[in-house]
Amino acid sequence: MDKGEDLDVFQCEACGLVQICNEPVPYYKEVVRAIAFSEEMRAYRRDQFAVWVKKYALRGKKVLEVGCGCGEYLSLLNAAGVDGYGIEYAPQSVADCIAHSLHVTRDYIDKADSTLASAPFDAFAVFNFMEHWPDPNASLRGIAHNLTEGGIGLVEVPNFDMILKKDLFTEFISDHLFYFTRESLETTLRLNGFEVVEVNAIWHDYILSAVVRKRVPSDVKTFAARRVAITNEITDYIQCFGVNRVAIWGAGHQALAAIALLGLAGKVRYVVDSAPFKQNKFTPASHIPIVAPDRLVNDPVDAVIVMAASYSDEVARVIRHQYSGVRSVAILRDTGLERI
């Protein structure tokens, strides 16, 4: 009574990922692999895992295999020196793993906030399983959610670059929902919280093997201290001349933000900018008038702080050459306030 079925294959116009749009097979959460019958593959994995564990200092660390089947690879990972854990959905496979004293629980990650009982893990591995997932974005984010900061990963999928090169049309099967090239694999991993360390074609080019690292959030803790330091520098500078005896040159976005964030309202006389469309207006939040450069002649000040980003040195030269009434010029640089 068995009948074939048509597979509808599509490619995303945005990221290039190739996928079939059929429903996943009923057993898509379960891992079935034939490594137990291949001594060559077992030997290859032993060497591969030994190098991976040494290169990324994973000996003794907690490593999760996502979709561990009957524990074939998990046993090899343990032998390489890691503290291995696994999740698997097939009840009999889980029972087989437990019977062999492996730390395996019945689970499947399909949500970004999925939390495993033994988390967090220092690293994870997933071998030729991601192409089965209906929502790899959610699953990858769920994996990242269970990793320590900077956690390492080993992600492998069938190599669609090779499939394309060799016209292997028989590689399209209902079990595999996604077909990753090197480019689309890297894109998928990066979009879901990982930095891609390296990607290599392995095992006779049939497999793309990617090493990834959980992306560390940008550290902005020093911003507050930087703001205080610059505020103090500019306050000290203004005090040398007195309130309303200092002007600012520059009404770009950085200058406007600085004026507001450094609390300069009521401390500077006006803001100079050469762009006519900015003149005769007021700075947002701080409400300081924005004026044309000739105001430095008609309504002179003693000092000017230049906040013109990449144009700052040019502006400072203009002030020195054309506005002799200005006694002091300073530039707000990345390193702080520089008096010139």
C-alpha atoms as a PDB file:
ATOM      1  CA  MET A   1       0.000   0.000   0.000  1.00  0.00           C
ATOM      2  CA  ASP A   2       3.075   2.296   0.094  1.00  0.00           C
ATOM      3  CA  LYS A   3       2.966   5.264  -2.224  1.00  0.00           C
ATOM      4  CA  GLY A   4       5.465   8.000  -3.003  1.00  0.00           C
ATOM      5  CA  GLU A   5       4.744  11.672  -2.459  1.00  0.00           C
ATOM      6  CA  ASP A   6       5.806  14.893  -4.108  1.00  0.00           C
ATOM      7  CA  LEU A   7       8.172  17.203  -2.220  1.00  0.00           C
ATOM      8  CA  ASP A   8       7.720  20.929  -2.723  1.00  0.00           C
ATOM      9  CA  VAL A   9      11.168  22.552  -2.613  1.00  0.00           C
ATOM     10  CA  PHE A  10      11.595  26.305  -2.103  1.00  0.00           C
ATOM     11  CA  GLN A  11      14.452  28.724  -1.596  1.00  0.00           C
ATOM     12  CA  CYS A  12      14.199  31.831   0.577  1.00  0.00           C
ATOM     13  CA  GLU A  13      14.840  34.922  -1.567  1.00  0.00           C
ATOM     14  CA  ALA A  14      16.252  36.763   1.460  1.00  0.00           C
ATOM     15  CA  CYS A  15      18.750  34.350   3.039  1.00  0.00           C
ATOM     16  CA  GLY A  16      19.033  31.647   0.367  1.00  0.00           C
ATOM     17  CA  LEU A  17      18.024  28.737   2.611  1.00  0.00           C
ATOM     18  CA  VAL A  18      16.518  25.807   0.701  1.00  0.00           C
ATOM     19  CA  GLN A  19      13.646  23.933   2.336  1.00  0.00           C
ATOM     20  CA  ILE A  20      10.746  21.652   1.635  1.00  0.00           C
ATOM     21  CA  CYS A  21       7.345  22.889   2.721  1.00  0.00           C
ATOM     22  CA  ASN A  22       5.816  19.507   3.481  1.00  0.00           C
ATOM     23  CA  GLU A  23       4.797  18.491   6.974  1.00  0.00           C
ATOM     24  CA  PRO A  24       7.570  16.947   9.097  1.00  0.00           C
ATOM     25  CA  VAL A  25       7.606  13.186   9.456  1.00  0.00           C
ATOM     26  CA  PRO A  26       5.843  11.909  12.612  1.00  0.00           C
ATOM     27  CA  TYR A  27       9.155  10.904  14.221  1.00  0.00           C
ATOM     28  CA  TYR A  28      11.071  14.149  13.539  1.00  0.00           C
ATOM     29  CA  LYS A  29      11.951  14.587  17.231  1.00  0.00           C
ATOM     30  CA  GLU A  30      13.779  11.253  17.333  1.00  0.00           C
ATOM     31  CA  VAL A  31      17.338  10.542  16.212  1.00  0.00           C
ATOM     32  CA  VAL A  32      18.077   7.433  14.191  1.00  0.00           C
ATOM     33  CA  ARG A  33      21.655   6.854  13.094  1.00  0.00           C
ATOM     34  CA  ALA A  34      23.787   3.945  11.939  1.00  0.00           C
ATOM     35  CA  ILE A  35      27.142   4.811  13.490  1.00  0.00           C
ATOM     36  CA  ALA A  36      27.134   1.569  15.469  1.00  0.00           C
ATOM     37  CA  PHE A  37      27.701  -0.281  12.203  1.00  0.00           C
ATOM     38  CA  SER A  38      30.645   1.827  10.954  1.00  0.00           C
ATOM     39  CA  GLU A  39      34.033   1.451  12.607  1.00  0.00           C
ATOM     40  CA  GLU A  40      35.463   4.047  10.229  1.00  0.00           C
ATOM     41  CA  MET A  41      32.981   6.665  11.411  1.00  0.00           C
ATOM     42  CA  ARG A  42      33.574   5.803  15.066  1.00  0.00           C
ATOM     43  CA  ALA A  43      37.307   6.213  14.590  1.00  0.00           C
ATOM     44  CA  TYR A  44      36.798   9.513  12.790  1.00  0.00           C
ATOM     45  CA  ARG A  45      34.565  10.832  15.570  1.00  0.00           C
ATOM     46  CA  ARG A  46      37.024   9.798  18.272  1.00  0.00           C
ATOM     47  CA  ASP A  47      39.758  11.854  16.626  1.00  0.00           C
ATOM     48  CA  GLN A  48      37.425  14.758  15.884  1.00  0.00           C
ATOM     49  CA  PHE A  49      36.093  14.950  19.440  1.00  0.00           C
ATOM     50  CA  ALA A  50      39.580  14.732  20.927  1.00  0.00           C
ATOM     51  CA  VAL A  51      40.702  17.731  18.854  1.00  0.00           C
ATOM     52  CA  TRP A  52      37.532  19.710  19.637  1.00  0.00           C
ATOM     53  CA  VAL A  53      37.774  19.088  23.369  1.00  0.00           C
ATOM     54  CA  LYS A  54      41.459  20.049  23.485  1.00  0.00           C
ATOM     55  CA  LYS A  55      41.159  23.114  21.232  1.00  0.00           C
ATOM     56  CA  TYR A  56      38.304  24.643  23.225  1.00  0.00           C
ATOM     57  CA  ALA A  57      39.396  23.492  26.687  1.00  0.00           C
ATOM     58  CA  LEU A  58      36.314  21.350  27.282  1.00  0.00           C
ATOM     59  CA  ARG A  59      37.885  18.569  29.356  1.00  0.00           C
ATOM     60  CA  GLY A  60      35.780  18.112  32.463  1.00  0.00           C
ATOM     61  CA  LYS A  61      33.175  20.601  31.216  1.00  0.00           C
ATOM     62  CA  LYS A  62      29.452  19.938  30.886  1.00  0.00           C
ATOM     63  CA  VAL A  63      28.633  19.179  27.252  1.00  0.00           C
ATOM     64  CA  LEU A  64      25.106  18.587  25.940  1.00  0.00           C
ATOM     65  CA  GLU A  65      24.342  16.478  22.893  1.00  0.00           C
ATOM     66  CA  VAL A  66      21.020  17.559  21.423  1.00  0.00           C
ATOM     67  CA  GLY A  67      19.370  14.503  19.937  1.00  0.00           C
ATOM     68  CA  CYS A  68      21.720  11.819  21.206  1.00  0.00           C
ATOM     69  CA  GLY A  69      19.927   8.759  19.824  1.00  0.00           C
ATOM     70  CA  CYS A  70      21.118   5.653  21.600  1.00  0.00           C
ATOM     71  CA  GLY A  71      24.184   7.434  22.954  1.00  0.00           C
ATOM     72  CA  GLU A  72      26.695   6.404  20.295  1.00  0.00           C
ATOM     73  CA  TYR A  73      28.345   9.836  20.053  1.00  0.00           C
ATOM     74  CA  LEU A  74      27.707  10.747  23.670  1.00  0.00           C
ATOM     75  CA  SER A  75      29.827   7.778  24.764  1.00  0.00           C
ATOM     76  CA  LEU A  76      32.653   8.969  22.509  1.00  0.00           C
ATOM     77  CA  LEU A  77      32.370  12.500  23.895  1.00  0.00           C
ATOM     78  CA  ASN A  78      32.669  11.137  27.425  1.00  0.00           C
ATOM     79  CA  ALA A  79      35.705   9.150  26.350  1.00  0.00           C
ATOM     80  CA  ALA A  80      37.225  12.415  25.069  1.00  0.00           C
ATOM     81  CA  GLY A  81      37.086  13.792  28.599  1.00  0.00           C
ATOM     82  CA  VAL A  82      33.888  15.825  28.855  1.00  0.00           C
ATOM     83  CA  ASP A  83      31.048  15.497  31.335  1.00  0.00           C
ATOM     84  CA  GLY A  84      28.450  14.474  28.791  1.00  0.00           C
ATOM     85  CA  TYR A  85      24.700  14.947  28.951  1.00  0.00           C
ATOM     86  CA  GLY A  86      22.127  14.149  26.314  1.00  0.00           C
ATOM     87  CA  ILE A  87      18.529  14.755  25.409  1.00  0.00           C
ATOM     88  CA  GLU A  88      16.570  12.414  23.187  1.00  0.00           C
ATOM     89  CA  TYR A  89      12.861  12.051  22.474  1.00  0.00           C
ATOM     90  CA  ALA A  90      12.549   8.364  21.564  1.00  0.00           C
ATOM     91  CA  PRO A  91      11.675   6.536  24.830  1.00  0.00           C
ATOM     92  CA  GLN A  92      13.518   3.337  23.912  1.00  0.00           C
ATOM     93  CA  SER A  93      16.660   5.238  22.967  1.00  0.00           C
ATOM     94  CA  VAL A  94      16.565   7.089  26.295  1.00  0.00           C
ATOM     95  CA  ALA A  95      16.167   3.756  28.102  1.00  0.00           C
ATOM     96  CA  ASP A  96      19.153   2.323  26.188  1.00  0.00           C
ATOM     97  CA  CYS A  97      21.291   5.335  27.146  1.00  0.00           C
ATOM     98  CA  ILE A  98      20.373   5.047  30.812  1.00  0.00           C
ATOM     99  CA  ALA A  99      21.127   1.339  30.711  1.00  0.00           C
ATOM    100  CA  HIS A 100      24.643   2.281  29.615  1.00  0.00           C
ATOM    101  CA  SER A 101      25.017   4.768  32.517  1.00  0.00           C
ATOM    102  CA  LEU A 102      24.704   7.852  30.315  1.00  0.00           C
ATOM    103  CA  HIS A 103      23.168  11.099  31.627  1.00  0.00           C
ATOM    104  CA  VAL A 104      20.242  11.279  29.221  1.00  0.00           C
ATOM    105  CA  THR A 105      16.721  12.624  29.648  1.00  0.00           C
ATOM    106  CA  ARG A 106      13.696  12.572  27.369  1.00  0.00           C
ATOM    107  CA  ASP A 107      13.338  16.062  25.971  1.00  0.00           C
ATOM    108  CA  TYR A 108      13.174  18.131  22.804  1.00  0.00           C
ATOM    109  CA  ILE A 109      13.977  21.827  22.495  1.00  0.00           C
ATOM    110  CA  ASP A 110      11.408  23.665  20.405  1.00  0.00           C
ATOM    111  CA  LYS A 111      11.056  26.977  22.239  1.00  0.00           C
ATOM    112  CA  ALA A 112      13.495  29.848  22.709  1.00  0.00           C
ATOM    113  CA  ASP A 113      12.958  29.787  26.471  1.00  0.00           C
ATOM    114  CA  SER A 114      13.126  26.002  26.924  1.00  0.00           C
ATOM    115  CA  THR A 115      15.083  25.220  30.084  1.00  0.00           C
ATOM    116  CA  LEU A 116      16.738  21.864  30.746  1.00  0.00           C
ATOM    117  CA  ALA A 117      17.047  20.468  34.250  1.00  0.00           C
ATOM    118  CA  SER A 118      20.860  20.124  34.152  1.00  0.00           C
ATOM    119  CA  ALA A 119      21.530  23.509  32.539  1.00  0.00           C
ATOM    120  CA  PRO A 120      23.621  25.525  32.075  1.00  0.00           C
ATOM    121  CA  PHE A 121      26.081  23.673  29.854  1.00  0.00           C
ATOM    122  CA  ASP A 122      29.545  24.792  28.777  1.00  0.00           C
ATOM    123  CA  ALA A 123      29.144  23.392  25.275  1.00  0.00           C
ATOM    124  CA  PHE A 124      26.750  21.490  23.042  1.00  0.00           C
ATOM    125  CA  ALA A 125      26.801  19.310  19.962  1.00  0.00           C
ATOM    126  CA  VAL A 126      24.146  18.443  17.401  1.00  0.00           C
ATOM    127  CA  PHE A 127      24.925  15.977  14.634  1.00  0.00           C
ATOM    128  CA  ASN A 128      22.824  15.849  11.444  1.00  0.00           C
ATOM    129  CA  PHE A 129      19.646  16.632  13.340  1.00  0.00           C
ATOM    130  CA  MET A 130      19.008  20.336  12.721  1.00  0.00           C
ATOM    131  CA  GLU A 131      17.755  19.689   9.197  1.00  0.00           C
ATOM    132  CA  HIS A 132      14.855  17.736  10.750  1.00  0.00           C
ATOM    133  CA  TRP A 133      13.608  20.583  12.970  1.00  0.00           C
ATOM    134  CA  PRO A 134      10.415  22.370  11.877  1.00  0.00           C
ATOM    135  CA  ASP A 135      11.606  25.571  13.588  1.00  0.00           C
ATOM    136  CA  PRO A 136      15.420  25.667  13.769  1.00  0.00           C
ATOM    137  CA  ASN A 137      15.333  29.311  14.878  1.00  0.00           C
ATOM    138  CA  ALA A 138      13.405  28.498  18.061  1.00  0.00           C
ATOM    139  CA  SER A 139      15.456  25.367  18.738  1.00  0.00           C
ATOM    140  CA  LEU A 140      18.800  27.125  18.322  1.00  0.00           C
ATOM    141  CA  ARG A 141      17.720  29.962  20.594  1.00  0.00           C
ATOM    142  CA  GLY A 142      16.523  27.402  23.106  1.00  0.00           C
ATOM    143  CA  ILE A 143      19.944  25.739  23.020  1.00  0.00           C
ATOM    144  CA  ALA A 144      21.662  29.094  23.535  1.00  0.00           C
ATOM    145  CA  HIS A 145      19.341  29.737  26.481  1.00  0.00           C
ATOM    146  CA  ASN A 146      20.793  26.648  28.189  1.00  0.00           C
ATOM    147  CA  LEU A 147      24.477  27.574  27.672  1.00  0.00           C
ATOM    148  CA  THR A 148      26.924  29.436  29.847  1.00  0.00           C
ATOM    149  CA  GLU A 149      28.179  32.783  28.567  1.00  0.00           C
ATOM    150  CA  GLY A 150      30.447  32.163  25.600  1.00  0.00           C
ATOM    151  CA  GLY A 151      29.455  28.481  25.408  1.00  0.00           C
ATOM    152  CA  ILE A 152      30.941  26.485  22.518  1.00  0.00           C
ATOM    153  CA  GLY A 153      28.960  24.437  20.020  1.00  0.00           C
ATOM    154  CA  LEU A 154      29.571  21.841  17.313  1.00  0.00           C
ATOM    155  CA  VAL A 155      26.776  21.860  14.723  1.00  0.00           C
ATOM    156  CA  GLU A 156      26.713  19.517  11.746  1.00  0.00           C
ATOM    157  CA  VAL A 157      24.295  19.215   8.824  1.00  0.00           C
ATOM    158  CA  PRO A 158      24.320  17.555   5.394  1.00  0.00           C
ATOM    159  CA  ASN A 159      26.355  19.599   2.940  1.00  0.00           C
ATOM    160  CA  PHE A 160      24.008  21.087   0.346  1.00  0.00           C
ATOM    161  CA  ASP A 161      26.959  22.696  -1.451  1.00  0.00           C
ATOM    162  CA  MET A 162      28.162  19.196  -2.297  1.00  0.00           C
ATOM    163  CA  ILE A 163      24.637  18.051  -3.169  1.00  0.00           C
ATOM    164  CA  LEU A 164      24.350  20.907  -5.652  1.00  0.00           C
ATOM    165  CA  LYS A 165      27.798  20.290  -7.090  1.00  0.00           C
ATOM    166  CA  LYS A 166      27.140  16.594  -7.689  1.00  0.00           C
ATOM    167  CA  ASP A 167      23.459  16.896  -8.676  1.00  0.00           C
ATOM    168  CA  LEU A 168      22.421  14.505  -5.935  1.00  0.00           C
ATOM    169  CA  PHE A 169      18.673  14.872  -6.439  1.00  0.00           C
ATOM    170  CA  THR A 170      18.133  11.766  -4.326  1.00  0.00           C
ATOM    171  CA  GLU A 171      19.162  13.735  -1.229  1.00  0.00           C
ATOM    172  CA  PHE A 172      15.724  15.367  -1.095  1.00  0.00           C
ATOM    173  CA  ILE A 173      13.749  13.307   1.415  1.00  0.00           C
ATOM    174  CA  SER A 174      10.704  13.980   3.562  1.00  0.00           C
ATOM    175  CA  ASP A 175      12.780  13.633   6.762  1.00  0.00           C
ATOM    176  CA  HIS A 176      14.945  16.644   5.884  1.00  0.00           C
ATOM    177  CA  LEU A 177      13.035  19.906   5.965  1.00  0.00           C
ATOM    178  CA  PHE A 178      16.100  22.150   5.440  1.00  0.00           C
ATOM    179  CA  TYR A 179      19.143  22.012   3.130  1.00  0.00           C
ATOM    180  CA  PHE A 180      22.064  24.121   4.289  1.00  0.00           C
ATOM    181  CA  THR A 181      24.903  25.526   2.239  1.00  0.00           C
ATOM    182  CA  ARG A 182      27.870  26.939   4.105  1.00  0.00           C
ATOM    183  CA  GLU A 183      26.414  30.434   3.666  1.00  0.00           C
ATOM    184  CA  SER A 184      22.873  29.636   4.792  1.00  0.00           C
ATOM    185  CA  LEU A 185      24.165  27.594   7.743  1.00  0.00           C
ATOM    186  CA  GLU A 186      26.286  30.499   8.946  1.00  0.00           C
ATOM    187  CA  THR A 187      23.363  32.895   8.489  1.00  0.00           C
ATOM    188  CA  THR A 188      21.015  30.662  10.486  1.00  0.00           C
ATOM    189  CA  LEU A 189      23.493  30.279  13.322  1.00  0.00           C
ATOM    190  CA  ARG A 190      24.302  33.991  13.492  1.00  0.00           C
ATOM    191  CA  LEU A 191      20.643  34.985  13.493  1.00  0.00           C
ATOM    192  CA  ASN A 192      20.021  32.824  16.537  1.00  0.00           C
ATOM    193  CA  GLY A 193      22.621  33.968  19.024  1.00  0.00           C
ATOM    194  CA  PHE A 194      25.897  32.435  17.866  1.00  0.00           C
ATOM    195  CA  GLU A 195      29.213  33.612  16.499  1.00  0.00           C
ATOM    196  CA  VAL A 196      30.551  31.267  13.818  1.00  0.00           C
ATOM    197  CA  VAL A 197      34.132  30.313  14.657  1.00  0.00           C
ATOM    198  CA  GLU A 198      34.773  28.022  11.711  1.00  0.00           C
ATOM    199  CA  VAL A 199      32.948  25.880   9.134  1.00  0.00           C
ATOM    200  CA  ASN A 200      34.494  22.906   7.331  1.00  0.00           C
ATOM    201  CA  ALA A 201      33.294  20.256   4.929  1.00  0.00           C
ATOM    202  CA  ILE A 202      34.070  16.835   6.448  1.00  0.00           C
ATOM    203  CA  TRP A 203      33.407  13.131   5.930  1.00  0.00           C
ATOM    204  CA  HIS A 204      34.004  12.967   2.180  1.00  0.00           C
ATOM    205  CA  ASP A 205      32.319  16.415   1.852  1.00  0.00           C
ATOM    206  CA  TYR A 206      28.943  15.011   2.915  1.00  0.00           C
ATOM    207  CA  ILE A 207      28.814  17.032   6.151  1.00  0.00           C
ATOM    208  CA  LEU A 208      29.205  20.728   6.998  1.00  0.00           C
ATOM    209  CA  SER A 209      30.756  20.970  10.446  1.00  0.00           C
ATOM    210  CA  ALA A 210      30.490  24.334  12.223  1.00  0.00           C
ATOM    211  CA  VAL A 211      32.081  25.396  15.492  1.00  0.00           C
ATOM    212  CA  VAL A 212      30.106  28.197  17.123  1.00  0.00           C
ATOM    213  CA  ARG A 213      30.255  30.284  20.274  1.00  0.00           C
ATOM    214  CA  LYS A 214      27.278  31.748  22.129  1.00  0.00           C
ATOM    215  CA  ARG A 215      27.342  35.449  21.414  1.00  0.00           C
ATOM    216  CA  VAL A 216      28.351  37.563  24.384  1.00  0.00           C
ATOM    217  CA  PRO A 217      26.125  40.658  24.739  1.00  0.00           C
ATOM    218  CA  SER A 218      27.782  44.008  24.139  1.00  0.00           C
ATOM    219  CA  ASP A 219      29.223  45.388  27.375  1.00  0.00           C
ATOM    220  CA  VAL A 220      27.945  48.918  28.021  1.00  0.00           C
ATOM    221  CA  LYS A 221      28.694  49.023  31.749  1.00  0.00           C
ATOM    222  CA  THR A 222      31.495  51.564  31.192  1.00  0.00           C
ATOM    223  CA  PHE A 223      29.199  54.044  29.438  1.00  0.00           C
ATOM    224  CA  ALA A 224      27.961  55.552  32.709  1.00  0.00           C
ATOM    225  CA  ALA A 225      31.476  56.096  34.035  1.00  0.00           C
ATOM    226  CA  ARG A 226      32.485  57.632  30.716  1.00  0.00           C
ATOM    227  CA  ARG A 227      29.565  60.037  30.879  1.00  0.00           C
ATOM    228  CA  VAL A 228      30.561  61.182  34.370  1.00  0.00           C
ATOM    229  CA  ALA A 229      34.204  61.677  33.352  1.00  0.00           C
ATOM    230  CA  ILE A 230      33.341  63.789  30.307  1.00  0.00           C
ATOM    231  CA  THR A 231      30.796  65.810  32.307  1.00  0.00           C
ATOM    232  CA  ASN A 232      33.480  66.650  34.859  1.00  0.00           C
ATOM    233  CA  GLU A 233      35.996  67.629  32.172  1.00  0.00           C
ATOM    234  CA  ILE A 234      33.580  69.946  30.375  1.00  0.00           C
ATOM    235  CA  THR A 235      32.289  71.429  33.652  1.00  0.00           C
ATOM    236  CA  ASP A 236      35.856  72.255  34.710  1.00  0.00           C
ATOM    237  CA  TYR A 237      36.522  73.809  31.305  1.00  0.00           C
ATOM    238  CA  ILE A 238      33.400  75.990  31.409  1.00  0.00           C
ATOM    239  CA  GLN A 239      34.227  77.153  34.945  1.00  0.00           C
ATOM    240  CA  CYS A 240      37.486  78.599  33.641  1.00  0.00           C
ATOM    241  CA  PHE A 241      35.464  81.182  31.647  1.00  0.00           C
ATOM    242  CA  GLY A 242      32.144  81.444  33.431  1.00  0.00           C
ATOM    243  CA  VAL A 243      28.574  80.557  32.599  1.00  0.00           C
ATOM    244  CA  ASN A 244      27.421  81.667  29.135  1.00  0.00           C
ATOM    245  CA  ARG A 245      30.978  82.570  28.093  1.00  0.00           C
ATOM    246  CA  VAL A 246      31.396  79.271  26.220  1.00  0.00           C
ATOM    247  CA  ALA A 247      29.748  78.081  22.982  1.00  0.00           C
ATOM    248  CA  ILE A 248      29.575  74.691  21.322  1.00  0.00           C
ATOM    249  CA  TRP A 249      30.227  74.181  17.634  1.00  0.00           C
ATOM    250  CA  GLY A 250      28.280  71.301  16.162  1.00  0.00           C
ATOM    251  CA  ALA A 251      24.601  70.331  16.015  1.00  0.00           C
ATOM    252  CA  GLY A 252      25.027  66.796  14.739  1.00  0.00           C
ATOM    253  CA  HIS A 253      23.372  63.859  16.483  1.00  0.00           C
ATOM    254  CA  GLN A 254      26.393  63.148  18.707  1.00  0.00           C
ATOM    255  CA  ALA A 255      26.677  66.783  19.782  1.00  0.00           C
ATOM    256  CA  LEU A 256      22.965  67.112  20.486  1.00  0.00           C
ATOM    257  CA  ALA A 257      23.010  63.925  22.552  1.00  0.00           C
ATOM    258  CA  ALA A 258      26.099  65.083  24.443  1.00  0.00           C
ATOM    259  CA  ILE A 259      24.584  68.468  25.232  1.00  0.00           C
ATOM    260  CA  ALA A 260      21.495  66.818  26.714  1.00  0.00           C
ATOM    261  CA  LEU A 261      23.220  63.919  28.492  1.00  0.00           C
ATOM    262  CA  LEU A 262      25.985  66.076  29.985  1.00  0.00           C
ATOM    263  CA  GLY A 263      23.500  68.580  31.365  1.00  0.00           C
ATOM    264  CA  LEU A 264      24.829  71.625  29.510  1.00  0.00           C
ATOM    265  CA  ALA A 265      21.548  73.559  29.401  1.00  0.00           C
ATOM    266  CA  GLY A 266      22.087  76.958  31.014  1.00  0.00           C
ATOM    267  CA  LYS A 267      25.869  76.566  30.945  1.00  0.00           C
ATOM    268  CA  VAL A 268      26.684  77.420  27.310  1.00  0.00           C
ATOM    269  CA  ARG A 269      25.602  80.522  25.390  1.00  0.00           C
ATOM    270  CA  TYR A 270      24.655  78.979  22.073  1.00  0.00           C
ATOM    271  CA  VAL A 271      25.438  76.200  19.609  1.00  0.00           C
ATOM    272  CA  VAL A 272      27.079  77.062  16.290  1.00  0.00           C
ATOM    273  CA  ASP A 273      26.485  75.085  13.111  1.00  0.00           C
ATOM    274  CA  SER A 274      27.310  75.887   9.480  1.00  0.00           C
ATOM    275  CA  ALA A 275      24.227  74.138   8.059  1.00  0.00           C
ATOM    276  CA  PRO A 276      21.512  76.747   7.385  1.00  0.00           C
ATOM    277  CA  PHE A 277      18.674  74.249   7.925  1.00  0.00           C
ATOM    278  CA  LYS A 278      19.815  73.759  11.543  1.00  0.00           C
ATOM    279  CA  GLN A 279      20.091  77.456  12.351  1.00  0.00           C
ATOM    280  CA  ASN A 280      17.419  79.507  14.149  1.00  0.00           C
ATOM    281  CA  LYS A 281      16.203  76.406  15.939  1.00  0.00           C
ATOM    282  CA  PHE A 282      16.862  74.967  19.405  1.00  0.00           C
ATOM    283  CA  THR A 283      18.667  71.876  20.614  1.00  0.00           C
ATOM    284  CA  PRO A 284      16.266  69.119  21.690  1.00  0.00           C
ATOM    285  CA  ALA A 285      15.761  68.628  25.440  1.00  0.00           C
ATOM    286  CA  SER A 286      18.338  71.305  26.373  1.00  0.00           C
ATOM    287  CA  HIS A 287      16.701  74.146  24.339  1.00  0.00           C
ATOM    288  CA  ILE A 288      19.905  76.037  23.517  1.00  0.00           C
ATOM    289  CA  PRO A 289      19.679  78.275  20.401  1.00  0.00           C
ATOM    290  CA  ILE A 290      21.456  77.012  17.278  1.00  0.00           C
ATOM    291  CA  VAL A 291      23.054  79.883  15.370  1.00  0.00           C
ATOM    292  CA  ALA A 292      25.193  80.652  12.320  1.00  0.00           C
ATOM    293  CA  PRO A 293      28.992  81.014  12.686  1.00  0.00           C
ATOM    294  CA  ASP A 294      28.840  84.824  12.338  1.00  0.00           C
ATOM    295  CA  ARG A 295      27.284  84.912  15.821  1.00  0.00           C
ATOM    296  CA  LEU A 296      30.837  84.442  17.123  1.00  0.00           C
ATOM    297  CA  VAL A 297      31.525  87.971  15.771  1.00  0.00           C
ATOM    298  CA  ASN A 298      28.255  89.654  16.697  1.00  0.00           C
ATOM    299  CA  ASP A 299      27.886  88.006  20.100  1.00  0.00           C
ATOM    300  CA  PRO A 300      31.383  86.783  21.009  1.00  0.00           C
ATOM    301  CA  VAL A 301      32.305  84.191  23.627  1.00  0.00           C
ATOM    302  CA  ASP A 302      35.635  83.374  25.257  1.00  0.00           C
ATOM    303  CA  ALA A 303      35.803  79.689  24.381  1.00  0.00           C
ATOM    304  CA  VAL A 304      34.341  77.148  21.996  1.00  0.00           C
ATOM    305  CA  ILE A 305      33.998  73.395  22.506  1.00  0.00           C
ATOM    306  CA  VAL A 306      34.001  71.661  19.128  1.00  0.00           C
ATOM    307  CA  MET A 307      31.718  68.606  18.880  1.00  0.00           C
ATOM    308  CA  ALA A 308      31.823  67.972  15.144  1.00  0.00           C
ATOM    309  CA  ALA A 309      32.990  64.333  15.041  1.00  0.00           C
ATOM    310  CA  SER A 310      35.243  63.774  11.995  1.00  0.00           C
ATOM    311  CA  TYR A 311      35.089  67.473  11.071  1.00  0.00           C
ATOM    312  CA  SER A 312      36.345  68.675  14.458  1.00  0.00           C
ATOM    313  CA  ASP A 313      39.944  69.444  13.457  1.00  0.00           C
ATOM    314  CA  GLU A 314      38.789  71.343  10.379  1.00  0.00           C
ATOM    315  CA  VAL A 315      36.329  73.369  12.478  1.00  0.00           C
ATOM    316  CA  ALA A 316      39.008  74.139  15.073  1.00  0.00           C
ATOM    317  CA  ARG A 317      41.278  75.531  12.337  1.00  0.00           C
ATOM    318  CA  VAL A 318      38.453  77.695  11.022  1.00  0.00           C
ATOM    319  CA  ILE A 319      37.838  79.118  14.490  1.00  0.00           C
ATOM    320  CA  ARG A 320      41.539  79.882  14.992  1.00  0.00           C
ATOM    321  CA  HIS A 321      41.901  81.606  11.622  1.00  0.00           C
ATOM    322  CA  GLN A 322      38.592  83.455  11.333  1.00  0.00           C
ATOM    323  CA  TYR A 323      37.426  84.204  14.881  1.00  0.00           C
ATOM    324  CA  SER A 324      40.289  85.815  16.751  1.00  0.00           C
ATOM    325  CA  GLY A 325      38.026  86.860  19.599  1.00  0.00           C
ATOM    326  CA  VAL A 326      37.775  83.264  20.776  1.00  0.00           C
ATOM    327  CA  ARG A 327      40.517  82.828  23.378  1.00  0.00           C
ATOM    328  CA  SER A 328      40.329  79.054  23.796  1.00  0.00           C
ATOM    329  CA  VAL A 329      39.258  76.111  21.653  1.00  0.00           C
ATOM    330  CA  ALA A 330      38.744  72.546  22.849  1.00  0.00           C
ATOM    331  CA  ILE A 331      37.698  69.419  20.954  1.00  0.00           C
ATOM    332  CA  LEU A 332      35.560  66.659  22.451  1.00  0.00           C
ATOM    333  CA  ARG A 333      37.326  63.535  21.254  1.00  0.00           C
ATOM    334  CA  ASP A 334      36.818  59.841  21.982  1.00  0.00           C
ATOM    335  CA  THR A 335      39.542  60.109  24.610  1.00  0.00           C
ATOM    336  CA  GLY A 336      38.027  63.135  26.331  1.00  0.00           C
ATOM    337  CA  LEU A 337      38.224  66.907  26.095  1.00  0.00           C
ATOM    338  CA  GLU A 338      41.388  68.104  24.321  1.00  0.00           C
ATOM    339  CA  ARG A 339      42.403  71.766  24.625  1.00  0.00           C
ATOM    340  CA  ILE A 340      44.217  72.989  21.502  1.00  0.00           C
END
